[in-house]
Amino acid sequence: MIDLRSDTVTRPGRAMLEAMMAASVGDDVYGDDPTVNELQRYAADLAGKEAALFLPTGTQANLVGLLSHCQRGEEYIVGQGAHNYLYEAGGAAVLGSIQPQPIDAAADGSLPLDKVAA
């Protein structure tokens, strides 16, 4: 049986260990990881762009956006009907310790400044 609950409950087999030891690696922060570079080139080619940052889901991209703007324990202001509030709010709270502060949005979906300021 393959247990995919978490990377902490699995144990790599011999073939996996050998593949890890033989893998080309580098620091992706400095642009030195050949696997990350290849993935980014592939994503850029797919999108017809000269460069790309790849996230596999829109949910993950939304979470990365929230995490880049908020520190743990902070709140983010969001419209009551916003997709990331209705369907993704748990991810920000659980993974980032960021709590949504929902407010009523205007009919066009924008957030009224007087409600944001309050």
PDB file of N, CA and C in Angstrom:
ATOM      1  N   MET A   1       0.838  -1.183   0.000  1.00  0.00           N
ATOM      2  CA  MET A   1       0.000   0.000   0.000  1.00  0.00           C
ATOM      3  C   MET A   1       0.881   1.244   0.000  1.00  0.00           C
ATOM      4  N   ILE A   2       0.473   2.245  -0.737  1.00  0.00           N
ATOM      5  CA  ILE A   2       1.171   3.527  -0.760  1.00  0.00           C
ATOM      6  C   ILE A   2       0.393   4.493   0.124  1.00  0.00           C
ATOM      7  N   ASP A   3       1.052   5.033   1.123  1.00  0.00           N
ATOM      8  CA  ASP A   3       0.422   5.951   2.074  1.00  0.00           C
ATOM      9  C   ASP A   3       0.798   7.374   1.692  1.00  0.00           C
ATOM     10  N   LEU A   4      -0.156   8.162   1.209  1.00  0.00           N
ATOM     11  CA  LEU A   4       0.112   9.522   0.749  1.00  0.00           C
ATOM     12  C   LEU A   4      -0.385  10.595   1.719  1.00  0.00           C
ATOM     13  N   ARG A   5      -0.641  10.212   2.970  1.00  0.00           N
ATOM     14  CA  ARG A   5      -1.120  11.212   3.935  1.00  0.00           C
ATOM     15  C   ARG A   5      -0.118  12.328   4.150  1.00  0.00           C
ATOM     16  N   SER A   6       1.145  11.999   4.199  1.00  0.00           N
ATOM     17  CA  SER A   6       2.172  12.992   4.489  1.00  0.00           C
ATOM     18  C   SER A   6       3.523  12.438   4.080  1.00  0.00           C
ATOM     19  N   ASP A   7       4.460  13.327   3.788  1.00  0.00           N
ATOM     20  CA  ASP A   7       5.808  12.860   3.459  1.00  0.00           C
ATOM     21  C   ASP A   7       6.533  12.310   4.686  1.00  0.00           C
ATOM     22  N   THR A   8       5.959  12.503   5.864  1.00  0.00           N
ATOM     23  CA  THR A   8       6.618  12.005   7.078  1.00  0.00           C
ATOM     24  C   THR A   8       6.230  10.577   7.429  1.00  0.00           C
ATOM     25  N   VAL A   9       5.223  10.002   6.760  1.00  0.00           N
ATOM     26  CA  VAL A   9       4.819   8.630   7.064  1.00  0.00           C
ATOM     27  C   VAL A   9       5.336   7.629   6.030  1.00  0.00           C
ATOM     28  N   THR A  10       5.975   8.113   4.989  1.00  0.00           N
ATOM     29  CA  THR A  10       6.493   7.215   3.955  1.00  0.00           C
ATOM     30  C   THR A  10       7.976   6.973   4.163  1.00  0.00           C
ATOM     31  N   ARG A  11       8.437   5.859   3.673  1.00  0.00           N
ATOM     32  CA  ARG A  11       9.859   5.519   3.733  1.00  0.00           C
ATOM     33  C   ARG A  11      10.320   5.213   2.319  1.00  0.00           C
ATOM     34  N   PRO A  12      11.327   5.920   1.830  1.00  0.00           N
ATOM     35  CA  PRO A  12      11.787   5.654   0.465  1.00  0.00           C
ATOM     36  C   PRO A  12      12.440   4.278   0.355  1.00  0.00           C
ATOM     37  N   GLY A  13      12.179   3.619  -0.769  1.00  0.00           N
ATOM     38  CA  GLY A  13      12.833   2.341  -1.048  1.00  0.00           C
ATOM     39  C   GLY A  13      14.225   2.576  -1.604  1.00  0.00           C
ATOM     40  N   ARG A  14      14.934   1.493  -1.855  1.00  0.00           N
ATOM     41  CA  ARG A  14      16.311   1.571  -2.342  1.00  0.00           C
ATOM     42  C   ARG A  14      16.402   2.364  -3.653  1.00  0.00           C
ATOM     43  N   ALA A  15      15.497   2.084  -4.587  1.00  0.00           N
ATOM     44  CA  ALA A  15      15.525   2.783  -5.874  1.00  0.00           C
ATOM     45  C   ALA A  15      15.310   4.290  -5.693  1.00  0.00           C
ATOM     46  N   MET A  16      14.415   4.663  -4.787  1.00  0.00           N
ATOM     47  CA  MET A  16      14.181   6.085  -4.530  1.00  0.00           C
ATOM     48  C   MET A  16      15.417   6.732  -3.923  1.00  0.00           C
ATOM     49  N   LEU A  17      16.046   6.065  -2.971  1.00  0.00           N
ATOM     50  CA  LEU A  17      17.258   6.604  -2.347  1.00  0.00           C
ATOM     51  C   LEU A  17      18.369   6.780  -3.378  1.00  0.00           C
ATOM     52  N   GLU A  18      18.536   5.798  -4.256  1.00  0.00           N
ATOM     53  CA  GLU A  18      19.565   5.900  -5.292  1.00  0.00           C
ATOM     54  C   GLU A  18      19.260   7.044  -6.254  1.00  0.00           C
ATOM     55  N   ALA A  19      17.994   7.211  -6.614  1.00  0.00           N
ATOM     56  CA  ALA A  19      17.614   8.313  -7.496  1.00  0.00           C
ATOM     57  C   ALA A  19      17.880   9.661  -6.836  1.00  0.00           C
ATOM     58  N   MET A  20      17.600   9.764  -5.540  1.00  0.00           N
ATOM     59  CA  MET A  20      17.857  11.020  -4.823  1.00  0.00           C
ATOM     60  C   MET A  20      19.351  11.322  -4.767  1.00  0.00           C
ATOM     61  N   MET A  21      20.150  10.289  -4.525  1.00  0.00           N
ATOM     62  CA  MET A  21      21.598  10.505  -4.435  1.00  0.00           C
ATOM     63  C   MET A  21      22.195  10.875  -5.789  1.00  0.00           C
ATOM     64  N   ALA A  22      21.600  10.398  -6.873  1.00  0.00           N
ATOM     65  CA  ALA A  22      22.136  10.661  -8.207  1.00  0.00           C
ATOM     66  C   ALA A  22      21.567  11.932  -8.835  1.00  0.00           C
ATOM     67  N   ALA A  23      20.559  12.526  -8.221  1.00  0.00           N
ATOM     68  CA  ALA A  23      19.883  13.683  -8.812  1.00  0.00           C
ATOM     69  C   ALA A  23      20.796  14.901  -8.861  1.00  0.00           C
ATOM     70  N   SER A  24      20.658  15.661  -9.945  1.00  0.00           N
ATOM     71  CA  SER A  24      21.345  16.949 -10.043  1.00  0.00           C
ATOM     72  C   SER A  24      20.583  17.938  -9.183  1.00  0.00           C
ATOM     73  N   VAL A  25      21.282  18.612  -8.289  1.00  0.00           N
ATOM     74  CA  VAL A  25      20.621  19.552  -7.393  1.00  0.00           C
ATOM     75  C   VAL A  25      21.364  20.876  -7.375  1.00  0.00           C
ATOM     76  N   GLY A  26      20.691  21.875  -6.894  1.00  0.00           N
ATOM     77  CA  GLY A  26      21.260  23.202  -6.726  1.00  0.00           C
ATOM     78  C   GLY A  26      20.297  24.014  -5.893  1.00  0.00           C
ATOM     79  N   ASP A  27      20.673  25.217  -5.554  1.00  0.00           N
ATOM     80  CA  ASP A  27      19.831  26.092  -4.739  1.00  0.00           C
ATOM     81  C   ASP A  27      18.883  26.855  -5.655  1.00  0.00           C
ATOM     82  N   ASP A  28      17.586  26.542  -5.551  1.00  0.00           N
ATOM     83  CA  ASP A  28      16.627  27.197  -6.433  1.00  0.00           C
ATOM     84  C   ASP A  28      16.484  28.686  -6.137  1.00  0.00           C
ATOM     85  N   VAL A  29      16.803  29.111  -4.916  1.00  0.00           N
ATOM     86  CA  VAL A  29      16.729  30.536  -4.575  1.00  0.00           C
ATOM     87  C   VAL A  29      17.698  31.348  -5.433  1.00  0.00           C
ATOM     88  N   TYR A  30      18.837  30.754  -5.758  1.00  0.00           N
ATOM     89  CA  TYR A  30      19.848  31.439  -6.561  1.00  0.00           C
ATOM     90  C   TYR A  30      19.802  31.028  -8.028  1.00  0.00           C
ATOM     91  N   GLY A  31      18.772  30.282  -8.419  1.00  0.00           N
ATOM     92  CA  GLY A  31      18.636  29.874  -9.813  1.00  0.00           C
ATOM     93  C   GLY A  31      19.567  28.751 -10.209  1.00  0.00           C
ATOM     94  N   ASP A  32      20.061  27.983  -9.232  1.00  0.00           N
ATOM     95  CA  ASP A  32      21.045  26.937  -9.501  1.00  0.00           C
ATOM     96  C   ASP A  32      20.468  25.526  -9.536  1.00  0.00           C
ATOM     97  N   ASP A  33      19.163  25.355  -9.336  1.00  0.00           N
ATOM     98  CA  ASP A  33      18.585  24.009  -9.328  1.00  0.00           C
ATOM     99  C   ASP A  33      18.131  23.655 -10.744  1.00  0.00           C
ATOM    100  N   PRO A  34      18.797  22.688 -11.380  1.00  0.00           N
ATOM    101  CA  PRO A  34      18.464  22.374 -12.772  1.00  0.00           C
ATOM    102  C   PRO A  34      17.035  21.858 -12.951  1.00  0.00           C
ATOM    103  N   THR A  35      16.497  21.155 -11.972  1.00  0.00           N
ATOM    104  CA  THR A  35      15.133  20.636 -12.090  1.00  0.00           C
ATOM    105  C   THR A  35      14.118  21.769 -12.040  1.00  0.00           C
ATOM    106  N   VAL A  36      14.304  22.702 -11.114  1.00  0.00           N
ATOM    107  CA  VAL A  36      13.411  23.854 -11.022  1.00  0.00           C
ATOM    108  C   VAL A  36      13.533  24.705 -12.280  1.00  0.00           C
ATOM    109  N   ASN A  37      14.753  24.919 -12.737  1.00  0.00           N
ATOM    110  CA  ASN A  37      14.955  25.711 -13.953  1.00  0.00           C
ATOM    111  C   ASN A  37      14.264  25.074 -15.156  1.00  0.00           C
ATOM    112  N   GLU A  38      14.366  23.750 -15.263  1.00  0.00           N
ATOM    113  CA  GLU A  38      13.708  23.041 -16.365  1.00  0.00           C
ATOM    114  C   GLU A  38      12.190  23.178 -16.275  1.00  0.00           C
ATOM    115  N   LEU A  39      11.645  23.049 -15.066  1.00  0.00           N
ATOM    116  CA  LEU A  39      10.203  23.196 -14.869  1.00  0.00           C
ATOM    117  C   LEU A  39       9.747  24.601 -15.245  1.00  0.00           C
ATOM    118  N   GLN A  40      10.508  25.612 -14.847  1.00  0.00           N
ATOM    119  CA  GLN A  40      10.136  26.986 -15.167  1.00  0.00           C
ATOM    120  C   GLN A  40      10.223  27.248 -16.667  1.00  0.00           C
ATOM    121  N   ARG A  41      11.233  26.693 -17.328  1.00  0.00           N
ATOM    122  CA  ARG A  41      11.331  26.834 -18.788  1.00  0.00           C
ATOM    123  C   ARG A  41      10.138  26.158 -19.467  1.00  0.00           C
ATOM    124  N   TYR A  42       9.786  24.975 -18.981  1.00  0.00           N
ATOM    125  CA  TYR A  42       8.649  24.239 -19.537  1.00  0.00           C
ATOM    126  C   TYR A  42       7.358  25.049 -19.373  1.00  0.00           C
ATOM    127  N   ALA A  43       7.134  25.594 -18.166  1.00  0.00           N
ATOM    128  CA  ALA A  43       5.931  26.390 -17.910  1.00  0.00           C
ATOM    129  C   ALA A  43       5.911  27.640 -18.780  1.00  0.00           C
ATOM    130  N   ALA A  44       7.061  28.276 -18.962  1.00  0.00           N
ATOM    131  CA  ALA A  44       7.141  29.464 -19.814  1.00  0.00           C
ATOM    132  C   ALA A  44       6.807  29.110 -21.256  1.00  0.00           C
ATOM    133  N   ASP A  45       7.338  28.001 -21.737  1.00  0.00           N
ATOM    134  CA  ASP A  45       7.041  27.563 -23.103  1.00  0.00           C
ATOM    135  C   ASP A  45       5.548  27.277 -23.275  1.00  0.00           C
ATOM    136  N   LEU A  46       4.951  26.608 -22.289  1.00  0.00           N
ATOM    137  CA  LEU A  46       3.513  26.321 -22.351  1.00  0.00           C
ATOM    138  C   LEU A  46       2.684  27.598 -22.429  1.00  0.00           C
ATOM    139  N   ALA A  47       3.110  28.611 -21.674  1.00  0.00           N
ATOM    140  CA  ALA A  47       2.366  29.869 -21.618  1.00  0.00           C
ATOM    141  C   ALA A  47       2.767  30.837 -22.724  1.00  0.00           C
ATOM    142  N   GLY A  48       3.802  30.482 -23.488  1.00  0.00           N
ATOM    143  CA  GLY A  48       4.274  31.379 -24.533  1.00  0.00           C
ATOM    144  C   GLY A  48       4.945  32.623 -23.979  1.00  0.00           C
ATOM    145  N   LYS A  49       5.570  32.492 -22.826  1.00  0.00           N
ATOM    146  CA  LYS A  49       6.245  33.617 -22.169  1.00  0.00           C
ATOM    147  C   LYS A  49       7.735  33.344 -22.081  1.00  0.00           C
ATOM    148  N   GLU A  50       8.515  34.392 -21.819  1.00  0.00           N
ATOM    149  CA  GLU A  50       9.961  34.174 -21.719  1.00  0.00           C
ATOM    150  C   GLU A  50      10.389  33.668 -20.352  1.00  0.00           C
ATOM    151  N   ALA A  51       9.524  33.826 -19.342  1.00  0.00           N
ATOM    152  CA  ALA A  51       9.843  33.320 -18.002  1.00  0.00           C
ATOM    153  C   ALA A  51       8.532  32.941 -17.322  1.00  0.00           C
ATOM    154  N   ALA A  52       8.619  32.038 -16.363  1.00  0.00           N
ATOM    155  CA  ALA A  52       7.404  31.620 -15.664  1.00  0.00           C
ATOM    156  C   ALA A  52       7.740  31.136 -14.268  1.00  0.00           C
ATOM    157  N   LEU A  53       6.817  31.347 -13.372  1.00  0.00           N
ATOM    158  CA  LEU A  53       6.855  30.755 -12.042  1.00  0.00           C
ATOM    159  C   LEU A  53       5.690  29.791 -12.005  1.00  0.00           C
ATOM    160  N   PHE A  54       5.935  28.557 -11.646  1.00  0.00           N
ATOM    161  CA  PHE A  54       4.920  27.523 -11.750  1.00  0.00           C
ATOM    162  C   PHE A  54       4.356  27.149 -10.394  1.00  0.00           C
ATOM    163  N   LEU A  55       3.061  27.225 -10.273  1.00  0.00           N
ATOM    164  CA  LEU A  55       2.335  26.659  -9.134  1.00  0.00           C
ATOM    165  C   LEU A  55       1.276  25.746  -9.730  1.00  0.00           C
ATOM    166  N   PRO A  56       1.115  24.560  -9.188  1.00  0.00           N
ATOM    167  CA  PRO A  56       0.237  23.595  -9.832  1.00  0.00           C
ATOM    168  C   PRO A  56      -1.253  23.894  -9.745  1.00  0.00           C
ATOM    169  N   THR A  57      -1.691  24.763  -8.826  1.00  0.00           N
ATOM    170  CA  THR A  57      -3.123  25.046  -8.717  1.00  0.00           C
ATOM    171  C   THR A  57      -3.356  26.522  -8.438  1.00  0.00           C
ATOM    172  N   GLY A  58      -4.537  26.994  -8.802  1.00  0.00           N
ATOM    173  CA  GLY A  58      -4.923  28.355  -8.468  1.00  0.00           C
ATOM    174  C   GLY A  58      -5.052  28.545  -6.968  1.00  0.00           C
ATOM    175  N   THR A  59      -5.508  27.514  -6.272  1.00  0.00           N
ATOM    176  CA  THR A  59      -5.606  27.571  -4.812  1.00  0.00           C
ATOM    177  C   THR A  59      -4.237  27.827  -4.210  1.00  0.00           C
ATOM    178  N   GLN A  60      -3.235  27.111  -4.703  1.00  0.00           N
ATOM    179  CA  GLN A  60      -1.882  27.298  -4.187  1.00  0.00           C
ATOM    180  C   GLN A  60      -1.362  28.698  -4.525  1.00  0.00           C
ATOM    181  N   ALA A  61      -1.662  29.187  -5.715  1.00  0.00           N
ATOM    182  CA  ALA A  61      -1.238  30.535  -6.094  1.00  0.00           C
ATOM    183  C   ALA A  61      -1.897  31.583  -5.192  1.00  0.00           C
ATOM    184  N   ASN A  62      -3.190  31.404  -4.897  1.00  0.00           N
ATOM    185  CA  ASN A  62      -3.870  32.337  -3.992  1.00  0.00           C
ATOM    186  C   ASN A  62      -3.251  32.302  -2.603  1.00  0.00           C
ATOM    187  N   LEU A  63      -2.922  31.117  -2.133  1.00  0.00           N
ATOM    188  CA  LEU A  63      -2.307  30.977  -0.813  1.00  0.00           C
ATOM    189  C   LEU A  63      -0.937  31.645  -0.781  1.00  0.00           C
ATOM    190  N   VAL A  64      -0.147  31.454  -1.818  1.00  0.00           N
ATOM    191  CA  VAL A  64       1.171  32.096  -1.893  1.00  0.00           C
ATOM    192  C   VAL A  64       1.013  33.618  -1.865  1.00  0.00           C
ATOM    193  N   GLY A  65       0.013  34.126  -2.576  1.00  0.00           N
ATOM    194  CA  GLY A  65      -0.239  35.570  -2.560  1.00  0.00           C
ATOM    195  C   GLY A  65      -0.554  36.085  -1.165  1.00  0.00           C
ATOM    196  N   LEU A  66      -1.420  35.372  -0.444  1.00  0.00           N
ATOM    197  CA  LEU A  66      -1.752  35.778   0.928  1.00  0.00           C
ATOM    198  C   LEU A  66      -0.534  35.689   1.839  1.00  0.00           C
ATOM    199  N   LEU A  67       0.220  34.604   1.732  1.00  0.00           N
ATOM    200  CA  LEU A  67       1.391  34.424   2.592  1.00  0.00           C
ATOM    201  C   LEU A  67       2.468  35.468   2.320  1.00  0.00           C
ATOM    202  N   SER A  68       2.523  35.970   1.089  1.00  0.00           N
ATOM    203  CA  SER A  68       3.544  36.975   0.774  1.00  0.00           C
ATOM    204  C   SER A  68       3.186  38.352   1.326  1.00  0.00           C
ATOM    205  N   HIS A  69       1.924  38.547   1.681  1.00  0.00           N
ATOM    206  CA  HIS A  69       1.483  39.848   2.193  1.00  0.00           C
ATOM    207  C   HIS A  69       1.208  39.858   3.690  1.00  0.00           C
ATOM    208  N   CYS A  70       1.042  38.706   4.301  1.00  0.00           N
ATOM    209  CA  CYS A  70       0.646  38.630   5.710  1.00  0.00           C
ATOM    210  C   CYS A  70       1.641  37.819   6.523  1.00  0.00           C
ATOM    211  N   GLN A  71       1.799  38.209   7.763  1.00  0.00           N
ATOM    212  CA  GLN A  71       2.582  37.435   8.720  1.00  0.00           C
ATOM    213  C   GLN A  71       1.629  36.567   9.532  1.00  0.00           C
ATOM    214  N   ARG A  72       2.158  35.543  10.159  1.00  0.00           N
ATOM    215  CA  ARG A  72       1.340  34.678  11.014  1.00  0.00           C
ATOM    216  C   ARG A  72       0.600  35.524  12.053  1.00  0.00           C
ATOM    217  N   GLY A  73      -0.664  35.188  12.269  1.00  0.00           N
ATOM    218  CA  GLY A  73      -1.467  35.895  13.260  1.00  0.00           C
ATOM    219  C   GLY A  73      -2.164  37.130  12.726  1.00  0.00           C
ATOM    220  N   GLU A  74      -1.869  37.527  11.506  1.00  0.00           N
ATOM    221  CA  GLU A  74      -2.526  38.698  10.932  1.00  0.00           C
ATOM    222  C   GLU A  74      -3.839  38.297  10.271  1.00  0.00           C
ATOM    223  N   GLU A  75      -4.603  39.301   9.875  1.00  0.00           N
ATOM    224  CA  GLU A  75      -5.865  39.088   9.175  1.00  0.00           C
ATOM    225  C   GLU A  75      -5.745  39.635   7.765  1.00  0.00           C
ATOM    226  N   TYR A  76      -6.569  39.108   6.883  1.00  0.00           N
ATOM    227  CA  TYR A  76      -6.704  39.712   5.564  1.00  0.00           C
ATOM    228  C   TYR A  76      -8.170  40.046   5.341  1.00  0.00           C
ATOM    229  N   ILE A  77      -8.417  41.174   4.712  1.00  0.00           N
ATOM    230  CA  ILE A  77      -9.775  41.636   4.445  1.00  0.00           C
ATOM    231  C   ILE A  77     -10.217  41.020   3.124  1.00  0.00           C
ATOM    232  N   VAL A  78     -11.418  40.460   3.129  1.00  0.00           N
ATOM    233  CA  VAL A  78     -11.903  39.743   1.951  1.00  0.00           C
ATOM    234  C   VAL A  78     -13.412  39.922   1.836  1.00  0.00           C
ATOM    235  N   GLY A  79     -13.916  39.952   0.629  1.00  0.00           N
ATOM    236  CA  GLY A  79     -15.356  40.033   0.415  1.00  0.00           C
ATOM    237  C   GLY A  79     -16.056  38.742   0.807  1.00  0.00           C
ATOM    238  N   GLN A  80     -17.272  38.861   1.333  1.00  0.00           N
ATOM    239  CA  GLN A  80     -18.048  37.693   1.779  1.00  0.00           C
ATOM    240  C   GLN A  80     -18.225  36.647   0.675  1.00  0.00           C
ATOM    241  N   GLY A  81     -18.294  37.095  -0.567  1.00  0.00           N
ATOM    242  CA  GLY A  81     -18.523  36.167  -1.672  1.00  0.00           C
ATOM    243  C   GLY A  81     -17.273  35.796  -2.441  1.00  0.00           C
ATOM    244  N   ALA A  82     -16.109  36.215  -1.968  1.00  0.00           N
ATOM    245  CA  ALA A  82     -14.860  35.944  -2.692  1.00  0.00           C
ATOM    246  C   ALA A  82     -14.552  34.446  -2.705  1.00  0.00           C
ATOM    247  N   HIS A  83     -14.071  33.967  -3.831  1.00  0.00           N
ATOM    248  CA  HIS A  83     -13.758  32.544  -3.977  1.00  0.00           C
ATOM    249  C   HIS A  83     -12.792  32.066  -2.897  1.00  0.00           C
ATOM    250  N   ASN A  84     -11.728  32.839  -2.665  1.00  0.00           N
ATOM    251  CA  ASN A  84     -10.748  32.368  -1.675  1.00  0.00           C
ATOM    252  C   ASN A  84     -11.298  32.388  -0.250  1.00  0.00           C
ATOM    253  N   TYR A  85     -12.335  33.146   0.006  1.00  0.00           N
ATOM    254  CA  TYR A  85     -12.975  33.099   1.325  1.00  0.00           C
ATOM    255  C   TYR A  85     -13.945  31.920   1.414  1.00  0.00           C
ATOM    256  N   LEU A  86     -14.765  31.757   0.408  1.00  0.00           N
ATOM    257  CA  LEU A  86     -15.777  30.692   0.447  1.00  0.00           C
ATOM    258  C   LEU A  86     -15.180  29.293   0.321  1.00  0.00           C
ATOM    259  N   TYR A  87     -14.144  29.159  -0.500  1.00  0.00           N
ATOM    260  CA  TYR A  87     -13.656  27.825  -0.825  1.00  0.00           C
ATOM    261  C   TYR A  87     -12.215  27.550  -0.410  1.00  0.00           C
ATOM    262  N   GLU A  88     -11.468  28.580   0.010  1.00  0.00           N
ATOM    263  CA  GLU A  88     -10.059  28.383   0.334  1.00  0.00           C
ATOM    264  C   GLU A  88      -9.647  28.964   1.680  1.00  0.00           C
ATOM    265  N   ALA A  89     -10.564  29.518   2.440  1.00  0.00           N
ATOM    266  CA  ALA A  89     -10.219  30.216   3.686  1.00  0.00           C
ATOM    267  C   ALA A  89      -9.499  29.310   4.666  1.00  0.00           C
ATOM    268  N   GLY A  90      -9.839  28.054   4.680  1.00  0.00           N
ATOM    269  CA  GLY A  90      -9.190  27.133   5.607  1.00  0.00           C
ATOM    270  C   GLY A  90      -7.703  26.999   5.363  1.00  0.00           C
ATOM    271  N   GLY A  91      -7.274  27.060   4.114  1.00  0.00           N
ATOM    272  CA  GLY A  91      -5.853  26.921   3.805  1.00  0.00           C
ATOM    273  C   GLY A  91      -5.028  28.043   4.405  1.00  0.00           C
ATOM    274  N   ALA A  92      -5.488  29.266   4.271  1.00  0.00           N
ATOM    275  CA  ALA A  92      -4.747  30.397   4.823  1.00  0.00           C
ATOM    276  C   ALA A  92      -4.677  30.310   6.344  1.00  0.00           C
ATOM    277  N   ALA A  93      -5.781  29.914   6.966  1.00  0.00           N
ATOM    278  CA  ALA A  93      -5.811  29.817   8.429  1.00  0.00           C
ATOM    279  C   ALA A  93      -4.936  28.670   8.926  1.00  0.00           C
ATOM    280  N   VAL A  94      -5.054  27.525   8.287  1.00  0.00           N
ATOM    281  CA  VAL A  94      -4.322  26.345   8.755  1.00  0.00           C
ATOM    282  C   VAL A  94      -2.842  26.425   8.405  1.00  0.00           C
ATOM    283  N   LEU A  95      -2.532  26.772   7.168  1.00  0.00           N
ATOM    284  CA  LEU A  95      -1.138  26.748   6.719  1.00  0.00           C
ATOM    285  C   LEU A  95      -0.376  28.029   7.017  1.00  0.00           C
ATOM    286  N   GLY A  96      -1.083  29.158   7.086  1.00  0.00           N
ATOM    287  CA  GLY A  96      -0.391  30.422   7.289  1.00  0.00           C
ATOM    288  C   GLY A  96      -0.732  31.130   8.577  1.00  0.00           C
ATOM    289  N   SER A  97      -1.652  30.576   9.359  1.00  0.00           N
ATOM    290  CA  SER A  97      -2.137  31.242  10.578  1.00  0.00           C
ATOM    291  C   SER A  97      -2.621  32.653  10.271  1.00  0.00           C
ATOM    292  N   ILE A  98      -3.259  32.797   9.119  1.00  0.00           N
ATOM    293  CA  ILE A  98      -3.812  34.074   8.664  1.00  0.00           C
ATOM    294  C   ILE A  98      -5.330  33.932   8.680  1.00  0.00           C
ATOM    295  N   GLN A  99      -6.006  34.845   9.356  1.00  0.00           N
ATOM    296  CA  GLN A  99      -7.453  34.747   9.505  1.00  0.00           C
ATOM    297  C   GLN A  99      -8.163  35.692   8.544  1.00  0.00           C
ATOM    298  N   PRO A 100      -9.185  35.203   7.838  1.00  0.00           N
ATOM    299  CA  PRO A 100      -9.958  36.097   6.979  1.00  0.00           C
ATOM    300  C   PRO A 100     -10.849  37.008   7.816  1.00  0.00           C
ATOM    301  N   GLN A 101     -10.984  38.245   7.394  1.00  0.00           N
ATOM    302  CA  GLN A 101     -11.912  39.198   8.006  1.00  0.00           C
ATOM    303  C   GLN A 101     -12.890  39.592   6.901  1.00  0.00           C
ATOM    304  N   PRO A 102     -14.002  38.860   6.771  1.00  0.00           N
ATOM    305  CA  PRO A 102     -14.914  39.120   5.657  1.00  0.00           C
ATOM    306  C   PRO A 102     -15.738  40.380   5.861  1.00  0.00           C
ATOM    307  N   ILE A 103     -15.951  41.101   4.757  1.00  0.00           N
ATOM    308  CA  ILE A 103     -16.841  42.263   4.757  1.00  0.00           C
ATOM    309  C   ILE A 103     -17.764  42.134   3.549  1.00  0.00           C
ATOM    310  N   ASP A 104     -18.881  42.847   3.599  1.00  0.00           N
ATOM    311  CA  ASP A 104     -19.809  42.838   2.474  1.00  0.00           C
ATOM    312  C   ASP A 104     -19.200  43.608   1.310  1.00  0.00           C
ATOM    313  N   ALA A 105     -19.181  42.988   0.157  1.00  0.00           N
ATOM    314  CA  ALA A 105     -18.660  43.636  -1.042  1.00  0.00           C
ATOM    315  C   ALA A 105     -19.769  44.439  -1.710  1.00  0.00           C
ATOM    316  N   ALA A 106     -19.366  45.388  -2.539  1.00  0.00           N
ATOM    317  CA  ALA A 106     -20.329  46.145  -3.336  1.00  0.00           C
ATOM    318  C   ALA A 106     -20.884  45.231  -4.429  1.00  0.00           C
ATOM    319  N   ALA A 107     -21.917  45.694  -5.115  1.00  0.00           N
ATOM    320  CA  ALA A 107     -22.560  44.891  -6.160  1.00  0.00           C
ATOM    321  C   ALA A 107     -21.584  44.486  -7.264  1.00  0.00           C
ATOM    322  N   ASP A 108     -20.582  45.329  -7.518  1.00  0.00           N
ATOM    323  CA  ASP A 108     -19.610  45.017  -8.580  1.00  0.00           C
ATOM    324  C   ASP A 108     -18.459  44.139  -8.086  1.00  0.00           C
ATOM    325  N   GLY A 109     -18.508  43.721  -6.824  1.00  0.00           N
ATOM    326  CA  GLY A 109     -17.468  42.858  -6.267  1.00  0.00           C
ATOM    327  C   GLY A 109     -16.338  43.593  -5.577  1.00  0.00           C
ATOM    328  N   SER A 110     -16.292  44.910  -5.713  1.00  0.00           N
ATOM    329  CA  SER A 110     -15.226  45.675  -5.055  1.00  0.00           C
ATOM    330  C   SER A 110     -15.524  45.803  -3.563  1.00  0.00           C
ATOM    331  N   LEU A 111     -14.495  46.147  -2.806  1.00  0.00           N
ATOM    332  CA  LEU A 111     -14.652  46.315  -1.363  1.00  0.00           C
ATOM    333  C   LEU A 111     -14.790  47.801  -1.052  1.00  0.00           C
ATOM    334  N   PRO A 112     -15.922  48.222  -0.480  1.00  0.00           N
ATOM    335  CA  PRO A 112     -16.120  49.635  -0.151  1.00  0.00           C
ATOM    336  C   PRO A 112     -15.068  50.116   0.854  1.00  0.00           C
ATOM    337  N   LEU A 113     -14.409  51.218   0.537  1.00  0.00           N
ATOM    338  CA  LEU A 113     -13.317  51.713   1.379  1.00  0.00           C
ATOM    339  C   LEU A 113     -13.764  52.028   2.796  1.00  0.00           C
ATOM    340  N   ASP A 114     -15.004  52.508   2.972  1.00  0.00           N
ATOM    341  CA  ASP A 114     -15.457  52.807   4.330  1.00  0.00           C
ATOM    342  C   ASP A 114     -15.547  51.533   5.172  1.00  0.00           C
ATOM    343  N   LYS A 115     -15.900  50.413   4.557  1.00  0.00           N
ATOM    344  CA  LYS A 115     -15.960  49.146   5.289  1.00  0.00           C
ATOM    345  C   LYS A 115     -14.561  48.586   5.533  1.00  0.00           C
ATOM    346  N   VAL A 116     -13.668  48.810   4.588  1.00  0.00           N
ATOM    347  CA  VAL A 116     -12.281  48.367   4.766  1.00  0.00           C
ATOM    348  C   VAL A 116     -11.649  49.138   5.919  1.00  0.00           C
ATOM    349  N   ALA A 117     -11.880  50.454   5.965  1.00  0.00           N
ATOM    350  CA  ALA A 117     -11.290  51.297   7.009  1.00  0.00           C
ATOM    351  C   ALA A 117     -11.841  50.954   8.390  1.00  0.00           C
ATOM    352  N   ALA A 118     -13.095  50.535   8.454  1.00  0.00           N
ATOM    353  CA  ALA A 118     -13.712  50.215   9.743  1.00  0.00           C
ATOM    354  C   ALA A 118     -13.070  48.961  10.274  1.00  0.00           C
TER     355      ALA A 118
END
